[in-house]
Amino acid sequence: MSRNDHVVGSAYLHIMTILHVTDFHFNKRWFDWLPDNAPAHDLLVMSGDMLNLSDAAPHQKQIDWVSDWINDYPRPISVCSGNHDLEWDSELELWTPAYWVRNLASANVWVDGQRVTLDGLSLLNISCTTRPKGGNADIWVVHAPPTKTLVATRTNSRDAGDPDLVDPIRRYSPQVVLSGHVHNPVHWHEQKDSTLYLNPGRDTDARFPNHILLQTEDMSCQLISAKKQEFLPRPAVVENDSMSTVAA
């Protein structure tokens, strides 16, 4: 087991509810909604773009505010960085990985490059700057979904997915890929082969964020947004013994 792997065993996580949100872009109202009004959940997954490069607030102030919020959140969090979360190096004059996200790692916060096992179910957080991508895990948390999927295709038919995820997904066959980046996907879910792809999308004007509730007992899920609610049943997934190996 590497230093980036964590095993958590707890009765309340035995039948786990994952709340998946994405692309907050420094919408403080949505951050405030989570601890007080979000549906009951055991694990919060945030799949990137917590910050907003177009916001008037200085980037470092956004980082400080979001970091404090994550540290204070009352439940376990699994988070990956998105393209808006990168850091600008003024000396090198280039964007660098979101080191501030990695610095948030703690007993209940799992970040870029870390895999956590919760009562036998493994989650891997994959940074948007990671190369190569992927690893052995049941659930991947990524920012941009893989290309050539409905969750990566905008309603204008443009594919905004990540081509670097396609081959790793064929190799590792994760059960679920939780993503964001595409705010208006053609559809919020797609099943291809043995992998379920999920992206709740983003409704900028909504009073609460689009979110997905994933029940890990049978991998059924529900999309809840200001405009609609949809339920997706799914048969129980056969456990894959290979998932116990250490992720890259």
C-alpha atoms as a PDB file:
ATOM      1  CA  MET A   1       0.000   0.000   0.000  1.00  0.00           C
ATOM      2  CA  SER A   2       1.410   3.434  -0.967  1.00  0.00           C
ATOM      3  CA  ARG A   3       1.303   6.612   1.093  1.00  0.00           C
ATOM      4  CA  ASN A   4      -1.531   7.826  -1.150  1.00  0.00           C
ATOM      5  CA  ASP A   5      -3.802   4.903  -0.236  1.00  0.00           C
ATOM      6  CA  HIS A   6      -6.160   5.038   2.725  1.00  0.00           C
ATOM      7  CA  VAL A   7      -8.449   2.370   4.136  1.00  0.00           C
ATOM      8  CA  VAL A   8     -11.487   3.473   6.108  1.00  0.00           C
ATOM      9  CA  GLY A   9     -13.792   0.991   7.807  1.00  0.00           C
ATOM     10  CA  SER A  10     -16.921   2.311   9.443  1.00  0.00           C
ATOM     11  CA  ALA A  11     -20.411   0.918  10.010  1.00  0.00           C
ATOM     12  CA  TYR A  12     -22.131   4.078   8.801  1.00  0.00           C
ATOM     13  CA  LEU A  13     -20.332   3.779   5.467  1.00  0.00           C
ATOM     14  CA  HIS A  14     -21.316   0.137   4.920  1.00  0.00           C
ATOM     15  CA  ILE A  15     -24.239   1.120   2.678  1.00  0.00           C
ATOM     16  CA  MET A  16     -22.884   4.401   1.408  1.00  0.00           C
ATOM     17  CA  THR A  17     -24.603   7.375  -0.163  1.00  0.00           C
ATOM     18  CA  ILE A  18     -22.291   9.548  -2.253  1.00  0.00           C
ATOM     19  CA  LEU A  19     -23.327  13.123  -3.024  1.00  0.00           C
ATOM     20  CA  HIS A  20     -21.652  14.255  -6.255  1.00  0.00           C
ATOM     21  CA  VAL A  21     -21.370  17.952  -7.140  1.00  0.00           C
ATOM     22  CA  THR A  22     -19.169  19.823  -9.573  1.00  0.00           C
ATOM     23  CA  ASP A  23     -18.218  23.164 -11.131  1.00  0.00           C
ATOM     24  CA  PHE A  24     -19.157  25.525  -8.310  1.00  0.00           C
ATOM     25  CA  HIS A  25     -16.895  28.229  -9.781  1.00  0.00           C
ATOM     26  CA  PHE A  26     -16.713  30.022  -6.441  1.00  0.00           C
ATOM     27  CA  ASN A  27     -20.482  30.272  -6.034  1.00  0.00           C
ATOM     28  CA  LYS A  28     -20.523  30.825  -2.271  1.00  0.00           C
ATOM     29  CA  ARG A  29     -24.285  30.306  -2.134  1.00  0.00           C
ATOM     30  CA  TRP A  30     -23.834  26.736  -3.353  1.00  0.00           C
ATOM     31  CA  PHE A  31     -21.036  26.074  -0.891  1.00  0.00           C
ATOM     32  CA  ASP A  32     -23.269  27.374   1.914  1.00  0.00           C
ATOM     33  CA  TRP A  33     -26.139  25.157   0.729  1.00  0.00           C
ATOM     34  CA  LEU A  34     -24.177  21.913   1.160  1.00  0.00           C
ATOM     35  CA  PRO A  35     -23.750  21.608   4.960  1.00  0.00           C
ATOM     36  CA  ASP A  36     -27.241  22.903   5.787  1.00  0.00           C
ATOM     37  CA  ASN A  37     -29.561  21.758   2.989  1.00  0.00           C
ATOM     38  CA  ALA A  38     -27.957  18.939   0.990  1.00  0.00           C
ATOM     39  CA  PRO A  39     -29.621  15.497   1.062  1.00  0.00           C
ATOM     40  CA  ALA A  40     -28.277  13.029   3.615  1.00  0.00           C
ATOM     41  CA  HIS A  41     -24.967  11.575   2.457  1.00  0.00           C
ATOM     42  CA  ASP A  42     -21.938   9.754   3.804  1.00  0.00           C
ATOM     43  CA  LEU A  43     -19.362  11.105   1.359  1.00  0.00           C
ATOM     44  CA  LEU A  44     -19.214  14.346  -0.623  1.00  0.00           C
ATOM     45  CA  VAL A  45     -17.488  14.194  -4.016  1.00  0.00           C
ATOM     46  CA  MET A  46     -16.467  17.448  -5.700  1.00  0.00           C
ATOM     47  CA  SER A  47     -15.172  16.903  -9.229  1.00  0.00           C
ATOM     48  CA  GLY A  48     -13.265  20.116  -9.820  1.00  0.00           C
ATOM     49  CA  ASP A  49     -13.558  23.796 -10.692  1.00  0.00           C
ATOM     50  CA  MET A  50     -14.240  24.983  -7.179  1.00  0.00           C
ATOM     51  CA  LEU A  51     -12.592  28.291  -8.117  1.00  0.00           C
ATOM     52  CA  ASN A  52     -13.413  30.745 -10.898  1.00  0.00           C
ATOM     53  CA  LEU A  53     -10.666  32.376 -12.933  1.00  0.00           C
ATOM     54  CA  SER A  54     -13.174  34.967 -14.182  1.00  0.00           C
ATOM     55  CA  ASP A  55     -14.322  36.014 -10.711  1.00  0.00           C
ATOM     56  CA  ALA A  56     -13.424  39.460  -9.384  1.00  0.00           C
ATOM     57  CA  ALA A  57     -12.082  37.939  -6.161  1.00  0.00           C
ATOM     58  CA  PRO A  58      -8.293  37.408  -6.309  1.00  0.00           C
ATOM     59  CA  HIS A  59      -7.300  33.824  -6.984  1.00  0.00           C
ATOM     60  CA  GLN A  60      -5.436  33.397  -3.694  1.00  0.00           C
ATOM     61  CA  LYS A  61      -8.414  34.703  -1.714  1.00  0.00           C
ATOM     62  CA  GLN A  62     -10.605  32.138  -3.465  1.00  0.00           C
ATOM     63  CA  ILE A  63      -8.121  29.401  -2.598  1.00  0.00           C
ATOM     64  CA  ASP A  64      -8.047  30.466   1.054  1.00  0.00           C
ATOM     65  CA  TRP A  65     -11.833  30.651   1.312  1.00  0.00           C
ATOM     66  CA  VAL A  66     -12.475  27.255  -0.357  1.00  0.00           C
ATOM     67  CA  SER A  67      -9.676  25.621   1.646  1.00  0.00           C
ATOM     68  CA  ASP A  68     -11.232  26.805   4.918  1.00  0.00           C
ATOM     69  CA  TRP A  69     -14.637  25.596   3.772  1.00  0.00           C
ATOM     70  CA  ILE A  70     -13.344  22.116   2.894  1.00  0.00           C
ATOM     71  CA  ASN A  71     -11.468  21.831   6.192  1.00  0.00           C
ATOM     72  CA  ASP A  72     -14.651  22.746   8.105  1.00  0.00           C
ATOM     73  CA  TYR A  73     -17.038  20.459   6.204  1.00  0.00           C
ATOM     74  CA  PRO A  74     -18.656  18.015   8.658  1.00  0.00           C
ATOM     75  CA  ARG A  75     -18.462  14.889   6.462  1.00  0.00           C
ATOM     76  CA  PRO A  76     -15.720  13.086   4.508  1.00  0.00           C
ATOM     77  CA  ILE A  77     -14.834  14.695   1.162  1.00  0.00           C
ATOM     78  CA  SER A  78     -13.226  13.281  -1.978  1.00  0.00           C
ATOM     79  CA  VAL A  79     -12.090  16.022  -4.353  1.00  0.00           C
ATOM     80  CA  CYS A  80     -10.153  16.427  -7.594  1.00  0.00           C
ATOM     81  CA  SER A  81      -8.914  19.635  -9.179  1.00  0.00           C
ATOM     82  CA  GLY A  82     -10.234  21.177 -12.388  1.00  0.00           C
ATOM     83  CA  ASN A  83      -8.763  23.616 -14.878  1.00  0.00           C
ATOM     84  CA  HIS A  84     -10.049  26.625 -12.885  1.00  0.00           C
ATOM     85  CA  ASP A  85      -8.245  25.325  -9.793  1.00  0.00           C
ATOM     86  CA  LEU A  86      -4.730  25.562 -11.242  1.00  0.00           C
ATOM     87  CA  GLU A  87      -2.179  27.968  -9.761  1.00  0.00           C
ATOM     88  CA  TRP A  88      -0.317  30.695 -11.638  1.00  0.00           C
ATOM     89  CA  ASP A  89       3.450  30.805 -11.167  1.00  0.00           C
ATOM     90  CA  SER A  90       4.406  34.437 -11.822  1.00  0.00           C
ATOM     91  CA  GLU A  91       8.123  33.684 -11.946  1.00  0.00           C
ATOM     92  CA  LEU A  92       7.800  30.901 -14.508  1.00  0.00           C
ATOM     93  CA  GLU A  93       4.794  32.576 -16.146  1.00  0.00           C
ATOM     94  CA  LEU A  94       2.819  29.373 -16.458  1.00  0.00           C
ATOM     95  CA  TRP A  95      -0.014  27.485 -14.825  1.00  0.00           C
ATOM     96  CA  THR A  96       0.995  24.777 -12.381  1.00  0.00           C
ATOM     97  CA  PRO A  97      -0.983  21.894 -10.811  1.00  0.00           C
ATOM     98  CA  ALA A  98      -3.406  22.731  -7.997  1.00  0.00           C
ATOM     99  CA  TYR A  99      -0.961  22.145  -5.165  1.00  0.00           C
ATOM    100  CA  TRP A 100      -3.353  23.899  -2.790  1.00  0.00           C
ATOM    101  CA  VAL A 101      -5.812  21.019  -3.278  1.00  0.00           C
ATOM    102  CA  ARG A 102      -3.140  18.437  -2.459  1.00  0.00           C
ATOM    103  CA  ASN A 103      -2.283  20.367   0.705  1.00  0.00           C
ATOM    104  CA  LEU A 104      -5.835  19.792   1.991  1.00  0.00           C
ATOM    105  CA  ALA A 105      -5.279  16.044   2.444  1.00  0.00           C
ATOM    106  CA  SER A 106      -6.305  14.861   5.912  1.00  0.00           C
ATOM    107  CA  ALA A 107      -8.028  11.982   7.681  1.00  0.00           C
ATOM    108  CA  ASN A 108     -11.388  12.953   6.117  1.00  0.00           C
ATOM    109  CA  VAL A 109     -10.314  14.826   2.979  1.00  0.00           C
ATOM    110  CA  TRP A 110      -8.959  12.850   0.003  1.00  0.00           C
ATOM    111  CA  VAL A 111      -7.423  14.788  -2.866  1.00  0.00           C
ATOM    112  CA  ASP A 112      -5.620  14.574  -6.222  1.00  0.00           C
ATOM    113  CA  GLY A 113      -3.580  11.408  -6.541  1.00  0.00           C
ATOM    114  CA  GLN A 114      -5.106   9.664  -3.531  1.00  0.00           C
ATOM    115  CA  ARG A 115      -7.157   6.508  -3.419  1.00  0.00           C
ATOM    116  CA  VAL A 116      -9.403   5.705  -0.477  1.00  0.00           C
ATOM    117  CA  THR A 117     -11.060   2.385   0.303  1.00  0.00           C
ATOM    118  CA  LEU A 118     -14.341   2.650   2.189  1.00  0.00           C
ATOM    119  CA  ASP A 119     -15.489  -0.758   3.403  1.00  0.00           C
ATOM    120  CA  GLY A 120     -14.184  -2.455   0.279  1.00  0.00           C
ATOM    121  CA  LEU A 121     -15.161   0.231  -2.246  1.00  0.00           C
ATOM    122  CA  SER A 122     -12.207   2.184  -3.672  1.00  0.00           C
ATOM    123  CA  LEU A 123     -12.234   5.746  -5.017  1.00  0.00           C
ATOM    124  CA  LEU A 124      -9.407   7.375  -6.965  1.00  0.00           C
ATOM    125  CA  ASN A 125      -9.065  11.167  -7.367  1.00  0.00           C
ATOM    126  CA  ILE A 126      -7.455  12.114 -10.684  1.00  0.00           C
ATOM    127  CA  SER A 127      -6.136  15.650 -11.190  1.00  0.00           C
ATOM    128  CA  CYS A 128      -6.831  17.388 -14.485  1.00  0.00           C
ATOM    129  CA  THR A 129      -3.042  17.695 -14.945  1.00  0.00           C
ATOM    130  CA  THR A 130      -2.204  14.047 -14.173  1.00  0.00           C
ATOM    131  CA  ARG A 131      -0.334  12.132 -16.889  1.00  0.00           C
ATOM    132  CA  PRO A 132      -0.808   9.247 -17.340  1.00  0.00           C
ATOM    133  CA  LYS A 133      -4.306   9.033 -15.919  1.00  0.00           C
ATOM    134  CA  GLY A 134      -6.098   6.202 -14.172  1.00  0.00           C
ATOM    135  CA  GLY A 135      -5.479   3.327 -11.835  1.00  0.00           C
ATOM    136  CA  ASN A 136      -7.197   0.408 -10.155  1.00  0.00           C
ATOM    137  CA  ALA A 137     -10.307   1.675  -8.364  1.00  0.00           C
ATOM    138  CA  ASP A 138     -14.053   1.097  -8.393  1.00  0.00           C
ATOM    139  CA  ILE A 139     -14.906   4.797  -8.720  1.00  0.00           C
ATOM    140  CA  TRP A 140     -12.884   7.485 -10.479  1.00  0.00           C
ATOM    141  CA  VAL A 141     -13.303  11.156  -9.598  1.00  0.00           C
ATOM    142  CA  VAL A 142     -12.181  13.281 -12.568  1.00  0.00           C
ATOM    143  CA  HIS A 143     -12.913  16.782 -13.800  1.00  0.00           C
ATOM    144  CA  ALA A 144     -13.424  16.360 -17.539  1.00  0.00           C
ATOM    145  CA  PRO A 145     -15.220  13.139 -18.538  1.00  0.00           C
ATOM    146  CA  PRO A 146     -13.720  10.901 -21.218  1.00  0.00           C
ATOM    147  CA  THR A 147     -14.276  11.970 -24.795  1.00  0.00           C
ATOM    148  CA  LYS A 148     -16.929  10.283 -26.956  1.00  0.00           C
ATOM    149  CA  THR A 149     -19.449   9.963 -24.141  1.00  0.00           C
ATOM    150  CA  LEU A 150     -22.823  11.660 -23.719  1.00  0.00           C
ATOM    151  CA  VAL A 151     -21.675  13.264 -20.464  1.00  0.00           C
ATOM    152  CA  ALA A 152     -18.779  14.892 -22.366  1.00  0.00           C
ATOM    153  CA  THR A 153     -20.892  16.123 -25.282  1.00  0.00           C
ATOM    154  CA  ARG A 154     -22.463  19.571 -25.042  1.00  0.00           C
ATOM    155  CA  THR A 155     -25.985  20.211 -26.272  1.00  0.00           C
ATOM    156  CA  ASN A 156     -24.443  21.966 -29.300  1.00  0.00           C
ATOM    157  CA  SER A 157     -22.886  18.571 -30.181  1.00  0.00           C
ATOM    158  CA  ARG A 158     -19.332  19.670 -29.327  1.00  0.00           C
ATOM    159  CA  ASP A 159     -17.271  17.031 -27.539  1.00  0.00           C
ATOM    160  CA  ALA A 160     -15.427  18.630 -24.584  1.00  0.00           C
ATOM    161  CA  GLY A 161     -14.144  15.390 -23.082  1.00  0.00           C
ATOM    162  CA  ASP A 162     -10.678  14.231 -22.117  1.00  0.00           C
ATOM    163  CA  PRO A 163      -9.119  11.897 -24.725  1.00  0.00           C
ATOM    164  CA  ASP A 164      -6.429  10.837 -22.228  1.00  0.00           C
ATOM    165  CA  LEU A 165      -9.049   8.938 -20.203  1.00  0.00           C
ATOM    166  CA  VAL A 166     -10.305   6.672 -22.981  1.00  0.00           C
ATOM    167  CA  ASP A 167      -7.527   4.056 -23.015  1.00  0.00           C
ATOM    168  CA  PRO A 168      -7.080   3.978 -19.199  1.00  0.00           C
ATOM    169  CA  ILE A 169     -10.791   3.285 -18.770  1.00  0.00           C
ATOM    170  CA  ARG A 170     -10.539   0.371 -21.206  1.00  0.00           C
ATOM    171  CA  ARG A 171      -7.559  -0.920 -19.222  1.00  0.00           C
ATOM    172  CA  TYR A 172      -8.884  -0.543 -15.668  1.00  0.00           C
ATOM    173  CA  SER A 173     -12.690  -0.728 -16.219  1.00  0.00           C
ATOM    174  CA  PRO A 174     -13.847   1.356 -13.236  1.00  0.00           C
ATOM    175  CA  GLN A 175     -17.462   0.793 -12.241  1.00  0.00           C
ATOM    176  CA  VAL A 176     -18.278   4.509 -12.107  1.00  0.00           C
ATOM    177  CA  VAL A 177     -16.649   7.716 -13.381  1.00  0.00           C
ATOM    178  CA  LEU A 178     -17.809  10.887 -11.604  1.00  0.00           C
ATOM    179  CA  SER A 179     -17.047  14.041 -13.594  1.00  0.00           C
ATOM    180  CA  GLY A 180     -18.007  17.621 -14.417  1.00  0.00           C
ATOM    181  CA  HIS A 181     -16.457  20.285 -16.705  1.00  0.00           C
ATOM    182  CA  VAL A 182     -19.224  20.071 -19.311  1.00  0.00           C
ATOM    183  CA  HIS A 183     -21.942  22.312 -17.868  1.00  0.00           C
ATOM    184  CA  ASN A 184     -24.668  21.317 -20.320  1.00  0.00           C
ATOM    185  CA  PRO A 185     -24.110  17.674 -21.261  1.00  0.00           C
ATOM    186  CA  VAL A 186     -26.429  15.919 -23.684  1.00  0.00           C
ATOM    187  CA  HIS A 187     -27.275  13.561 -20.833  1.00  0.00           C
ATOM    188  CA  TRP A 188     -26.231  13.272 -17.207  1.00  0.00           C
ATOM    189  CA  HIS A 189     -25.460   9.558 -17.427  1.00  0.00           C
ATOM    190  CA  GLU A 190     -24.294   6.907 -19.849  1.00  0.00           C
ATOM    191  CA  GLN A 191     -23.498   3.230 -19.485  1.00  0.00           C
ATOM    192  CA  LYS A 192     -20.757   1.929 -21.793  1.00  0.00           C
ATOM    193  CA  ASP A 193     -19.535  -1.618 -21.342  1.00  0.00           C
ATOM    194  CA  SER A 194     -19.086  -2.097 -17.577  1.00  0.00           C
ATOM    195  CA  THR A 195     -18.587   1.604 -16.719  1.00  0.00           C
ATOM    196  CA  LEU A 196     -21.238   4.108 -15.679  1.00  0.00           C
ATOM    197  CA  TYR A 197     -20.434   7.757 -16.503  1.00  0.00           C
ATOM    198  CA  LEU A 198     -22.070  10.523 -14.452  1.00  0.00           C
ATOM    199  CA  ASN A 199     -22.008  14.312 -14.802  1.00  0.00           C
ATOM    200  CA  PRO A 200     -24.664  16.429 -13.011  1.00  0.00           C
ATOM    201  CA  GLY A 201     -23.926  19.493 -15.149  1.00  0.00           C
ATOM    202  CA  ARG A 202     -24.313  23.076 -13.982  1.00  0.00           C
ATOM    203  CA  ASP A 203     -27.255  25.485 -13.927  1.00  0.00           C
ATOM    204  CA  THR A 204     -25.690  28.889 -13.298  1.00  0.00           C
ATOM    205  CA  ASP A 205     -28.873  30.615 -12.104  1.00  0.00           C
ATOM    206  CA  ALA A 206     -30.194  27.838  -9.853  1.00  0.00           C
ATOM    207  CA  ARG A 207     -30.428  28.478  -6.123  1.00  0.00           C
ATOM    208  CA  PHE A 208     -28.758  25.118  -5.419  1.00  0.00           C
ATOM    209  CA  PRO A 209     -26.248  23.069  -7.424  1.00  0.00           C
ATOM    210  CA  ASN A 210     -27.174  20.158  -9.647  1.00  0.00           C
ATOM    211  CA  HIS A 211     -26.241  17.022  -7.745  1.00  0.00           C
ATOM    212  CA  ILE A 212     -26.263  13.255  -8.042  1.00  0.00           C
ATOM    213  CA  LEU A 213     -26.979  10.825  -5.225  1.00  0.00           C
ATOM    214  CA  LEU A 214     -25.208   7.513  -5.810  1.00  0.00           C
ATOM    215  CA  GLN A 215     -26.135   4.488  -3.682  1.00  0.00           C
ATOM    216  CA  THR A 216     -23.112   2.216  -3.581  1.00  0.00           C
ATOM    217  CA  GLU A 217     -25.097  -0.837  -2.462  1.00  0.00           C
ATOM    218  CA  ASP A 218     -26.463  -1.291  -6.002  1.00  0.00           C
ATOM    219  CA  MET A 219     -24.935   1.692  -7.887  1.00  0.00           C
ATOM    220  CA  SER A 220     -28.356   3.200  -8.472  1.00  0.00           C
ATOM    221  CA  CYS A 221     -28.378   6.989  -8.704  1.00  0.00           C
ATOM    222  CA  GLN A 222     -30.578  10.052  -8.890  1.00  0.00           C
ATOM    223  CA  LEU A 223     -30.065  13.449 -10.502  1.00  0.00           C
ATOM    224  CA  ILE A 224     -31.591  16.393  -8.650  1.00  0.00           C
ATOM    225  CA  SER A 225     -31.617  19.854 -10.191  1.00  0.00           C
ATOM    226  CA  ALA A 226     -33.823  22.916 -10.034  1.00  0.00           C
ATOM    227  CA  LYS A 227     -35.437  21.822 -13.302  1.00  0.00           C
ATOM    228  CA  LYS A 228     -35.852  18.062 -12.935  1.00  0.00           C
ATOM    229  CA  GLN A 229     -35.320  14.902 -10.939  1.00  0.00           C
ATOM    230  CA  GLU A 230     -34.467  11.602 -12.597  1.00  0.00           C
ATOM    231  CA  PHE A 231     -33.760   8.181 -11.122  1.00  0.00           C
ATOM    232  CA  LEU A 232     -31.465   5.608 -12.730  1.00  0.00           C
ATOM    233  CA  PRO A 233     -31.731   2.056 -11.357  1.00  0.00           C
ATOM    234  CA  ARG A 234     -28.792  -0.269 -11.842  1.00  0.00           C
ATOM    235  CA  PRO A 235     -28.241  -3.930 -10.949  1.00  0.00           C
ATOM    236  CA  ALA A 236     -25.659  -4.708  -8.309  1.00  0.00           C
ATOM    237  CA  VAL A 237     -22.115  -4.770  -9.703  1.00  0.00           C
ATOM    238  CA  VAL A 238     -20.083  -7.929  -9.208  1.00  0.00           C
ATOM    239  CA  GLU A 239     -17.076  -7.172  -7.014  1.00  0.00           C
ATOM    240  CA  ASN A 240     -13.763  -7.170  -8.861  1.00  0.00           C
ATOM    241  CA  ASP A 241     -10.919  -8.664  -6.785  1.00  0.00           C
ATOM    242  CA  SER A 242      -8.359  -6.753  -8.838  1.00  0.00           C
ATOM    243  CA  MET A 243      -9.565  -3.525  -7.231  1.00  0.00           C
ATOM    244  CA  SER A 244      -7.608  -4.377  -4.101  1.00  0.00           C
ATOM    245  CA  THR A 245      -4.333  -3.655  -5.852  1.00  0.00           C
ATOM    246  CA  VAL A 246      -2.530  -0.384  -5.321  1.00  0.00           C
ATOM    247  CA  ALA A 247      -3.379   2.474  -7.683  1.00  0.00           C
ATOM    248  CA  ALA A 248      -0.670   4.261  -9.590  1.00  0.00           C
END
